[in-house]
């Protein structure tokens, strides 16, 4: 379907949750899908807003599904946040994280000093999906933001696709802090351009030669369109046919899932 609709495409930027899998359930025969993409000659990179795993974790998950990729072929919003903070705070910064250990590790790898949960001040508050979220964490983060800490949100996805349905995502956590603090977060992940810019740089391709594949209109598709990248929406995740009615411009390609898109 891709080559028929967009014959100039040389590279793919593929989202993960809702495209490749729902939590621990693969969406289709992933080894066959990636083998077909290789046979077509596409350069492939996976780019996700989900920061609950680090890059090694994602490689391990893919290997569990029978897919082996190179290190450079996976990026997430945590890396984009790390690069942003590294540019803004070249000497490092004290960062309070409302998020998973994987996000904390990534930010540490970028030279940030992640503070413990009992600290009362930090230069930056970074908020994301946090499976161990507590009222105390929200309280501390809100007070820090009100006191002048920079407020960074990894990504605005309000839900996360799972086998049992859509569950609260990073955007829900960020929204709670925005309401409590009265401040808006600076979003770094999709639909902002940073993650797509990183992906294009690693692919060494221009936007017009690239197709972004995602399941969420307001992040995957909107962000790619803003970056001038061609888009394909799969209906196996968050967005539905009904959501498409009021979304303009429409994605270049709409498919039920990645299998239909590739084969």
C-alpha atoms as a PDB file:
ATOM      1  CA  UNK A   1       0.000   0.000   0.000  1.00  0.00           C
ATOM      2  CA  UNK A   2       2.819   2.431   0.836  1.00  0.00           C
ATOM      3  CA  UNK A   3       4.632   2.141  -2.484  1.00  0.00           C
ATOM      4  CA  UNK A   4       1.371   2.378  -4.427  1.00  0.00           C
ATOM      5  CA  UNK A   5       0.279   5.561  -2.671  1.00  0.00           C
ATOM      6  CA  UNK A   6       3.662   7.174  -2.003  1.00  0.00           C
ATOM      7  CA  UNK A   7       6.283   5.724  -4.377  1.00  0.00           C
ATOM      8  CA  UNK A   8       9.014   8.190  -3.322  1.00  0.00           C
ATOM      9  CA  UNK A   9       9.174   7.029   0.316  1.00  0.00           C
ATOM     10  CA  UNK A  10      12.598   5.797   1.455  1.00  0.00           C
ATOM     11  CA  UNK A  11      12.242   5.843   5.239  1.00  0.00           C
ATOM     12  CA  UNK A  12       9.656   5.122   7.904  1.00  0.00           C
ATOM     13  CA  UNK A  13       9.204   6.635  11.368  1.00  0.00           C
ATOM     14  CA  UNK A  14       7.001   4.152  13.225  1.00  0.00           C
ATOM     15  CA  UNK A  15       5.244   4.663  16.545  1.00  0.00           C
ATOM     16  CA  UNK A  16       5.065   1.670  18.916  1.00  0.00           C
ATOM     17  CA  UNK A  17       2.098   1.577  21.335  1.00  0.00           C
ATOM     18  CA  UNK A  18      -1.053   0.964  19.333  1.00  0.00           C
ATOM     19  CA  UNK A  19       0.940   0.308  16.144  1.00  0.00           C
ATOM     20  CA  UNK A  20       3.310  -2.555  16.986  1.00  0.00           C
ATOM     21  CA  UNK A  21       1.620  -3.794  20.149  1.00  0.00           C
ATOM     22  CA  UNK A  22      -0.881  -3.326  22.925  1.00  0.00           C
ATOM     23  CA  UNK A  23       1.254  -3.730  26.035  1.00  0.00           C
ATOM     24  CA  UNK A  24       2.482  -7.350  25.805  1.00  0.00           C
ATOM     25  CA  UNK A  25       0.348  -8.343  22.805  1.00  0.00           C
ATOM     26  CA  UNK A  26       1.892  -7.867  19.322  1.00  0.00           C
ATOM     27  CA  UNK A  27      -0.320  -6.391  16.632  1.00  0.00           C
ATOM     28  CA  UNK A  28       0.283  -8.778  13.762  1.00  0.00           C
ATOM     29  CA  UNK A  29       3.252 -10.947  12.775  1.00  0.00           C
ATOM     30  CA  UNK A  30       6.008  -8.464  13.633  1.00  0.00           C
ATOM     31  CA  UNK A  31       8.941 -10.541  12.298  1.00  0.00           C
ATOM     32  CA  UNK A  32       7.169 -10.890   8.940  1.00  0.00           C
ATOM     33  CA  UNK A  33       6.289  -7.176   8.883  1.00  0.00           C
ATOM     34  CA  UNK A  34       9.867  -6.040   9.535  1.00  0.00           C
ATOM     35  CA  UNK A  35      11.240  -8.592   7.083  1.00  0.00           C
ATOM     36  CA  UNK A  36       8.917  -7.198   4.406  1.00  0.00           C
ATOM     37  CA  UNK A  37       9.993  -3.634   5.175  1.00  0.00           C
ATOM     38  CA  UNK A  38      13.624  -4.726   4.823  1.00  0.00           C
ATOM     39  CA  UNK A  39      12.857  -6.379   1.477  1.00  0.00           C
ATOM     40  CA  UNK A  40      11.217  -3.156   0.279  1.00  0.00           C
ATOM     41  CA  UNK A  41      14.433  -1.314   1.130  1.00  0.00           C
ATOM     42  CA  UNK A  42      12.926   1.092   3.640  1.00  0.00           C
ATOM     43  CA  UNK A  43      15.114   2.623   6.320  1.00  0.00           C
ATOM     44  CA  UNK A  44      13.199   2.261   9.594  1.00  0.00           C
ATOM     45  CA  UNK A  45      13.287   4.000  12.955  1.00  0.00           C
ATOM     46  CA  UNK A  46      10.860   3.580  15.845  1.00  0.00           C
ATOM     47  CA  UNK A  47       9.920   6.785  17.663  1.00  0.00           C
ATOM     48  CA  UNK A  48       7.647   6.744  20.701  1.00  0.00           C
ATOM     49  CA  UNK A  49       6.340   9.231  23.233  1.00  0.00           C
ATOM     50  CA  UNK A  50       6.268   6.458  25.853  1.00  0.00           C
ATOM     51  CA  UNK A  51       9.058   6.866  28.415  1.00  0.00           C
ATOM     52  CA  UNK A  52       8.139   4.035  30.777  1.00  0.00           C
ATOM     53  CA  UNK A  53      10.923   1.923  29.229  1.00  0.00           C
ATOM     54  CA  UNK A  54      14.465   2.874  28.272  1.00  0.00           C
ATOM     55  CA  UNK A  55      15.934   2.070  24.866  1.00  0.00           C
ATOM     56  CA  UNK A  56      17.486  -1.221  26.003  1.00  0.00           C
ATOM     57  CA  UNK A  57      14.094  -2.284  27.383  1.00  0.00           C
ATOM     58  CA  UNK A  58      12.471  -1.626  24.009  1.00  0.00           C
ATOM     59  CA  UNK A  59      15.128  -3.651  22.196  1.00  0.00           C
ATOM     60  CA  UNK A  60      14.531  -6.504  24.636  1.00  0.00           C
ATOM     61  CA  UNK A  61      10.786  -6.280  24.097  1.00  0.00           C
ATOM     62  CA  UNK A  62      11.219  -6.386  20.326  1.00  0.00           C
ATOM     63  CA  UNK A  63      13.552  -9.376  20.579  1.00  0.00           C
ATOM     64  CA  UNK A  64      10.846 -11.100  22.611  1.00  0.00           C
ATOM     65  CA  UNK A  65       8.548 -10.575  19.611  1.00  0.00           C
ATOM     66  CA  UNK A  66      11.233 -11.906  17.246  1.00  0.00           C
ATOM     67  CA  UNK A  67      12.465  -8.551  15.898  1.00  0.00           C
ATOM     68  CA  UNK A  68      16.120  -7.458  16.038  1.00  0.00           C
ATOM     69  CA  UNK A  69      16.993  -3.815  15.368  1.00  0.00           C
ATOM     70  CA  UNK A  70      20.182  -1.783  15.640  1.00  0.00           C
ATOM     71  CA  UNK A  71      20.709   0.549  18.605  1.00  0.00           C
ATOM     72  CA  UNK A  72      20.093   3.738  16.594  1.00  0.00           C
ATOM     73  CA  UNK A  73      16.701   2.528  15.354  1.00  0.00           C
ATOM     74  CA  UNK A  74      14.755   3.346  18.531  1.00  0.00           C
ATOM     75  CA  UNK A  75      14.247   6.774  20.096  1.00  0.00           C
ATOM     76  CA  UNK A  76      11.772   8.087  22.643  1.00  0.00           C
ATOM     77  CA  UNK A  77      10.602  11.401  24.042  1.00  0.00           C
ATOM     78  CA  UNK A  78      12.858  11.018  27.091  1.00  0.00           C
ATOM     79  CA  UNK A  79      15.884  11.368  24.814  1.00  0.00           C
ATOM     80  CA  UNK A  80      14.377  14.473  23.221  1.00  0.00           C
ATOM     81  CA  UNK A  81      13.834  15.939  26.698  1.00  0.00           C
ATOM     82  CA  UNK A  82      17.420  15.046  27.634  1.00  0.00           C
ATOM     83  CA  UNK A  83      18.768  16.793  24.555  1.00  0.00           C
ATOM     84  CA  UNK A  84      16.606  19.858  25.209  1.00  0.00           C
ATOM     85  CA  UNK A  85      17.791  20.113  28.828  1.00  0.00           C
ATOM     86  CA  UNK A  86      21.394  19.518  27.793  1.00  0.00           C
ATOM     87  CA  UNK A  87      21.178  22.473  25.409  1.00  0.00           C
ATOM     88  CA  UNK A  88      19.458  24.729  27.957  1.00  0.00           C
ATOM     89  CA  UNK A  89      21.583  23.622  30.924  1.00  0.00           C
ATOM     90  CA  UNK A  90      25.009  22.682  29.504  1.00  0.00           C
ATOM     91  CA  UNK A  91      26.402  22.432  33.040  1.00  0.00           C
ATOM     92  CA  UNK A  92      23.521  20.206  34.113  1.00  0.00           C
ATOM     93  CA  UNK A  93      20.448  20.967  36.235  1.00  0.00           C
ATOM     94  CA  UNK A  94      18.668  19.638  39.297  1.00  0.00           C
ATOM     95  CA  UNK A  95      15.597  17.833  37.965  1.00  0.00           C
ATOM     96  CA  UNK A  96      12.564  16.523  39.850  1.00  0.00           C
ATOM     97  CA  UNK A  97      10.910  13.761  37.838  1.00  0.00           C
ATOM     98  CA  UNK A  98       7.302  12.670  38.040  1.00  0.00           C
ATOM     99  CA  UNK A  99       7.804   9.541  35.989  1.00  0.00           C
ATOM    100  CA  UNK A 100       9.311   6.090  35.784  1.00  0.00           C
ATOM    101  CA  UNK A 101      12.872   5.024  36.617  1.00  0.00           C
ATOM    102  CA  UNK A 102      13.622   4.722  32.883  1.00  0.00           C
ATOM    103  CA  UNK A 103      13.001   8.458  32.418  1.00  0.00           C
ATOM    104  CA  UNK A 104      15.199   9.302  35.381  1.00  0.00           C
ATOM    105  CA  UNK A 105      18.025   7.171  33.996  1.00  0.00           C
ATOM    106  CA  UNK A 106      17.801   8.760  30.556  1.00  0.00           C
ATOM    107  CA  UNK A 107      17.945  12.274  31.984  1.00  0.00           C
ATOM    108  CA  UNK A 108      20.908  11.268  34.168  1.00  0.00           C
ATOM    109  CA  UNK A 109      22.650   9.934  31.062  1.00  0.00           C
ATOM    110  CA  UNK A 110      22.251  13.402  29.525  1.00  0.00           C
ATOM    111  CA  UNK A 111      24.062  14.994  32.478  1.00  0.00           C
ATOM    112  CA  UNK A 112      21.083  16.051  34.594  1.00  0.00           C
ATOM    113  CA  UNK A 113      21.087  15.617  38.386  1.00  0.00           C
ATOM    114  CA  UNK A 114      17.838  13.846  39.225  1.00  0.00           C
ATOM    115  CA  UNK A 115      16.812  14.703  42.782  1.00  0.00           C
ATOM    116  CA  UNK A 116      15.082  12.366  45.213  1.00  0.00           C
ATOM    117  CA  UNK A 117      11.366  12.451  46.012  1.00  0.00           C
ATOM    118  CA  UNK A 118      11.899  14.161  49.375  1.00  0.00           C
ATOM    119  CA  UNK A 119      13.614  17.250  47.908  1.00  0.00           C
ATOM    120  CA  UNK A 120      11.612  20.478  48.025  1.00  0.00           C
ATOM    121  CA  UNK A 121      13.202  22.427  45.171  1.00  0.00           C
ATOM    122  CA  UNK A 122      14.708  21.828  41.727  1.00  0.00           C
ATOM    123  CA  UNK A 123      15.623  23.779  38.605  1.00  0.00           C
ATOM    124  CA  UNK A 124      13.265  21.728  36.457  1.00  0.00           C
ATOM    125  CA  UNK A 125      10.197  19.546  36.947  1.00  0.00           C
ATOM    126  CA  UNK A 126       9.780  16.884  34.248  1.00  0.00           C
ATOM    127  CA  UNK A 127       6.395  15.160  34.194  1.00  0.00           C
ATOM    128  CA  UNK A 128       5.406  12.005  32.347  1.00  0.00           C
ATOM    129  CA  UNK A 129       3.471   8.768  32.791  1.00  0.00           C
ATOM    130  CA  UNK A 130       4.140   7.503  36.319  1.00  0.00           C
ATOM    131  CA  UNK A 131       2.731   4.139  37.373  1.00  0.00           C
ATOM    132  CA  UNK A 132       3.696   4.928  40.971  1.00  0.00           C
ATOM    133  CA  UNK A 133       2.038   8.354  41.016  1.00  0.00           C
ATOM    134  CA  UNK A 134       1.036   9.621  44.467  1.00  0.00           C
ATOM    135  CA  UNK A 135      -0.585  12.736  45.834  1.00  0.00           C
ATOM    136  CA  UNK A 136       2.723  13.597  47.526  1.00  0.00           C
ATOM    137  CA  UNK A 137       4.552  13.608  44.187  1.00  0.00           C
ATOM    138  CA  UNK A 138       1.907  15.856  42.629  1.00  0.00           C
ATOM    139  CA  UNK A 139       2.030  18.188  45.630  1.00  0.00           C
ATOM    140  CA  UNK A 140       5.814  18.561  45.581  1.00  0.00           C
ATOM    141  CA  UNK A 141       5.965  19.021  41.824  1.00  0.00           C
ATOM    142  CA  UNK A 142       3.154  21.593  41.862  1.00  0.00           C
ATOM    143  CA  UNK A 143       4.814  23.610  44.624  1.00  0.00           C
ATOM    144  CA  UNK A 144       8.147  23.596  42.769  1.00  0.00           C
ATOM    145  CA  UNK A 145       6.501  24.795  39.554  1.00  0.00           C
ATOM    146  CA  UNK A 146       4.688  27.559  41.428  1.00  0.00           C
ATOM    147  CA  UNK A 147       8.025  28.576  42.970  1.00  0.00           C
ATOM    148  CA  UNK A 148       9.635  29.026  39.553  1.00  0.00           C
ATOM    149  CA  UNK A 149      10.964  25.635  38.437  1.00  0.00           C
ATOM    150  CA  UNK A 150      10.856  25.075  34.682  1.00  0.00           C
ATOM    151  CA  UNK A 151       7.946  22.779  33.828  1.00  0.00           C
ATOM    152  CA  UNK A 152       8.598  20.198  31.113  1.00  0.00           C
ATOM    153  CA  UNK A 153       6.101  17.608  29.883  1.00  0.00           C
ATOM    154  CA  UNK A 154       7.459  14.676  27.927  1.00  0.00           C
ATOM    155  CA  UNK A 155       4.342  14.213  25.803  1.00  0.00           C
ATOM    156  CA  UNK A 156       0.646  15.128  25.818  1.00  0.00           C
ATOM    157  CA  UNK A 157      -0.877  11.654  25.194  1.00  0.00           C
ATOM    158  CA  UNK A 158      -3.774  11.580  27.650  1.00  0.00           C
ATOM    159  CA  UNK A 159      -4.269   7.831  27.193  1.00  0.00           C
ATOM    160  CA  UNK A 160      -2.236   4.707  26.452  1.00  0.00           C
ATOM    161  CA  UNK A 161      -3.624   1.774  24.400  1.00  0.00           C
ATOM    162  CA  UNK A 162      -3.641  -1.579  26.241  1.00  0.00           C
ATOM    163  CA  UNK A 163      -5.401  -4.926  25.687  1.00  0.00           C
ATOM    164  CA  UNK A 164      -8.080  -3.904  28.219  1.00  0.00           C
ATOM    165  CA  UNK A 165      -8.647  -0.457  26.700  1.00  0.00           C
ATOM    166  CA  UNK A 166      -7.272   3.076  26.951  1.00  0.00           C
ATOM    167  CA  UNK A 167      -5.647   3.850  30.298  1.00  0.00           C
ATOM    168  CA  UNK A 168      -4.424   7.236  31.641  1.00  0.00           C
ATOM    169  CA  UNK A 169      -1.236   8.424  29.937  1.00  0.00           C
ATOM    170  CA  UNK A 170       1.405  11.095  30.437  1.00  0.00           C
ATOM    171  CA  UNK A 171      -0.937  13.872  29.357  1.00  0.00           C
ATOM    172  CA  UNK A 172      -3.253  13.042  32.250  1.00  0.00           C
ATOM    173  CA  UNK A 173      -0.409  13.472  34.754  1.00  0.00           C
ATOM    174  CA  UNK A 174       0.799  16.660  33.078  1.00  0.00           C
ATOM    175  CA  UNK A 175      -2.750  18.024  32.984  1.00  0.00           C
ATOM    176  CA  UNK A 176      -3.173  17.469  36.716  1.00  0.00           C
ATOM    177  CA  UNK A 177      -0.003  19.455  37.396  1.00  0.00           C
ATOM    178  CA  UNK A 178      -1.062  22.228  35.028  1.00  0.00           C
ATOM    179  CA  UNK A 179      -4.364  22.571  36.874  1.00  0.00           C
ATOM    180  CA  UNK A 180      -2.729  22.464  40.309  1.00  0.00           C
ATOM    181  CA  UNK A 181       0.109  24.885  39.510  1.00  0.00           C
ATOM    182  CA  UNK A 182      -1.676  27.233  37.129  1.00  0.00           C
ATOM    183  CA  UNK A 183       1.280  26.876  34.697  1.00  0.00           C
ATOM    184  CA  UNK A 184       1.440  25.266  31.268  1.00  0.00           C
ATOM    185  CA  UNK A 185       4.068  22.633  30.586  1.00  0.00           C
ATOM    186  CA  UNK A 186       6.510  22.923  27.692  1.00  0.00           C
ATOM    187  CA  UNK A 187       5.903  19.755  25.699  1.00  0.00           C
ATOM    188  CA  UNK A 188       8.951  18.168  24.038  1.00  0.00           C
ATOM    189  CA  UNK A 189       7.633  14.927  22.480  1.00  0.00           C
ATOM    190  CA  UNK A 190       5.175  14.533  19.612  1.00  0.00           C
ATOM    191  CA  UNK A 191       3.433  16.603  18.263  1.00  0.00           C
ATOM    192  CA  UNK A 192       6.390  18.948  18.822  1.00  0.00           C
ATOM    193  CA  UNK A 193       9.171  18.640  16.207  1.00  0.00           C
ATOM    194  CA  UNK A 194      12.124  17.495  18.362  1.00  0.00           C
ATOM    195  CA  UNK A 195      11.486  13.751  18.135  1.00  0.00           C
ATOM    196  CA  UNK A 196      10.825  13.897  14.399  1.00  0.00           C
ATOM    197  CA  UNK A 197      13.973  15.983  13.861  1.00  0.00           C
ATOM    198  CA  UNK A 198      16.013  13.379  15.747  1.00  0.00           C
ATOM    199  CA  UNK A 199      14.453  10.615  13.656  1.00  0.00           C
ATOM    200  CA  UNK A 200      15.136  12.336  10.329  1.00  0.00           C
ATOM    201  CA  UNK A 201      18.718  12.985  11.415  1.00  0.00           C
ATOM    202  CA  UNK A 202      19.297   9.319  12.192  1.00  0.00           C
ATOM    203  CA  UNK A 203      17.641   8.217   8.957  1.00  0.00           C
ATOM    204  CA  UNK A 204      19.667  10.813   7.054  1.00  0.00           C
ATOM    205  CA  UNK A 205      16.599  11.587   4.977  1.00  0.00           C
ATOM    206  CA  UNK A 206      14.551  14.671   4.201  1.00  0.00           C
ATOM    207  CA  UNK A 207      10.943  14.978   5.332  1.00  0.00           C
ATOM    208  CA  UNK A 208       9.467  14.506   1.847  1.00  0.00           C
ATOM    209  CA  UNK A 209      11.141  11.084   1.517  1.00  0.00           C
ATOM    210  CA  UNK A 210       9.751   9.875   4.841  1.00  0.00           C
ATOM    211  CA  UNK A 211       6.475   8.422   6.107  1.00  0.00           C
ATOM    212  CA  UNK A 212       5.412   8.632   9.764  1.00  0.00           C
ATOM    213  CA  UNK A 213       3.138   5.796  10.901  1.00  0.00           C
ATOM    214  CA  UNK A 214       1.089   6.281  14.054  1.00  0.00           C
ATOM    215  CA  UNK A 215      -2.190   5.519  15.781  1.00  0.00           C
ATOM    216  CA  UNK A 216      -2.920   8.913  17.331  1.00  0.00           C
ATOM    217  CA  UNK A 217      -4.042  11.895  15.253  1.00  0.00           C
ATOM    218  CA  UNK A 218      -3.237  14.655  17.750  1.00  0.00           C
ATOM    219  CA  UNK A 219       0.369  13.568  18.323  1.00  0.00           C
ATOM    220  CA  UNK A 220       1.766  11.190  15.684  1.00  0.00           C
ATOM    221  CA  UNK A 221      -0.088  12.570  12.682  1.00  0.00           C
ATOM    222  CA  UNK A 222      -0.318  16.246  13.640  1.00  0.00           C
ATOM    223  CA  UNK A 223       3.367  16.407  14.533  1.00  0.00           C
ATOM    224  CA  UNK A 224       4.500  14.712  11.342  1.00  0.00           C
ATOM    225  CA  UNK A 225       2.329  16.963   9.208  1.00  0.00           C
ATOM    226  CA  UNK A 226       3.796  20.030  10.910  1.00  0.00           C
ATOM    227  CA  UNK A 227       7.279  18.712  10.111  1.00  0.00           C
ATOM    228  CA  UNK A 228       6.378  18.176   6.442  1.00  0.00           C
ATOM    229  CA  UNK A 229       6.525  14.384   6.770  1.00  0.00           C
ATOM    230  CA  UNK A 230       4.001  12.160   4.973  1.00  0.00           C
ATOM    231  CA  UNK A 231       1.606  10.360   7.317  1.00  0.00           C
ATOM    232  CA  UNK A 232      -0.191   7.043   7.698  1.00  0.00           C
ATOM    233  CA  UNK A 233      -2.774   6.446  10.414  1.00  0.00           C
ATOM    234  CA  UNK A 234      -3.451   2.911  11.610  1.00  0.00           C
ATOM    235  CA  UNK A 235      -6.743   2.327  13.410  1.00  0.00           C
ATOM    236  CA  UNK A 236      -5.327  -0.291  15.775  1.00  0.00           C
ATOM    237  CA  UNK A 237      -4.693   2.112  18.645  1.00  0.00           C
ATOM    238  CA  UNK A 238      -6.089   5.357  20.023  1.00  0.00           C
ATOM    239  CA  UNK A 239      -7.730   7.222  17.118  1.00  0.00           C
ATOM    240  CA  UNK A 240     -10.854   5.980  15.367  1.00  0.00           C
ATOM    241  CA  UNK A 241     -12.765   6.531  12.139  1.00  0.00           C
ATOM    242  CA  UNK A 242     -15.021   8.914  14.055  1.00  0.00           C
ATOM    243  CA  UNK A 243     -12.011  11.014  15.099  1.00  0.00           C
ATOM    244  CA  UNK A 244     -11.050  11.435  11.453  1.00  0.00           C
ATOM    245  CA  UNK A 245     -14.254  13.282  10.591  1.00  0.00           C
ATOM    246  CA  UNK A 246     -13.127  16.546  12.171  1.00  0.00           C
ATOM    247  CA  UNK A 247      -9.393  16.168  11.547  1.00  0.00           C
ATOM    248  CA  UNK A 248      -7.873  18.164   8.679  1.00  0.00           C
ATOM    249  CA  UNK A 249      -5.800  17.694   6.664  1.00  0.00           C
ATOM    250  CA  UNK A 250      -6.386  13.958   6.565  1.00  0.00           C
ATOM    251  CA  UNK A 251      -3.436  11.536   6.755  1.00  0.00           C
ATOM    252  CA  UNK A 252      -2.032  10.483   3.374  1.00  0.00           C
ATOM    253  CA  UNK A 253      -2.903   6.844   4.097  1.00  0.00           C
ATOM    254  CA  UNK A 254      -5.421   5.246   6.469  1.00  0.00           C
ATOM    255  CA  UNK A 255      -5.195   1.529   7.254  1.00  0.00           C
ATOM    256  CA  UNK A 256      -6.756  -0.803   9.776  1.00  0.00           C
ATOM    257  CA  UNK A 257      -3.356  -1.876  11.075  1.00  0.00           C
ATOM    258  CA  UNK A 258       0.316  -2.182  10.184  1.00  0.00           C
ATOM    259  CA  UNK A 259      -0.244  -5.502   8.408  1.00  0.00           C
ATOM    260  CA  UNK A 260      -2.689  -3.920   5.955  1.00  0.00           C
ATOM    261  CA  UNK A 261      -0.341  -0.988   5.438  1.00  0.00           C
ATOM    262  CA  UNK A 262       2.736  -3.099   4.687  1.00  0.00           C
ATOM    263  CA  UNK A 263       1.375  -6.074   2.746  1.00  0.00           C
END
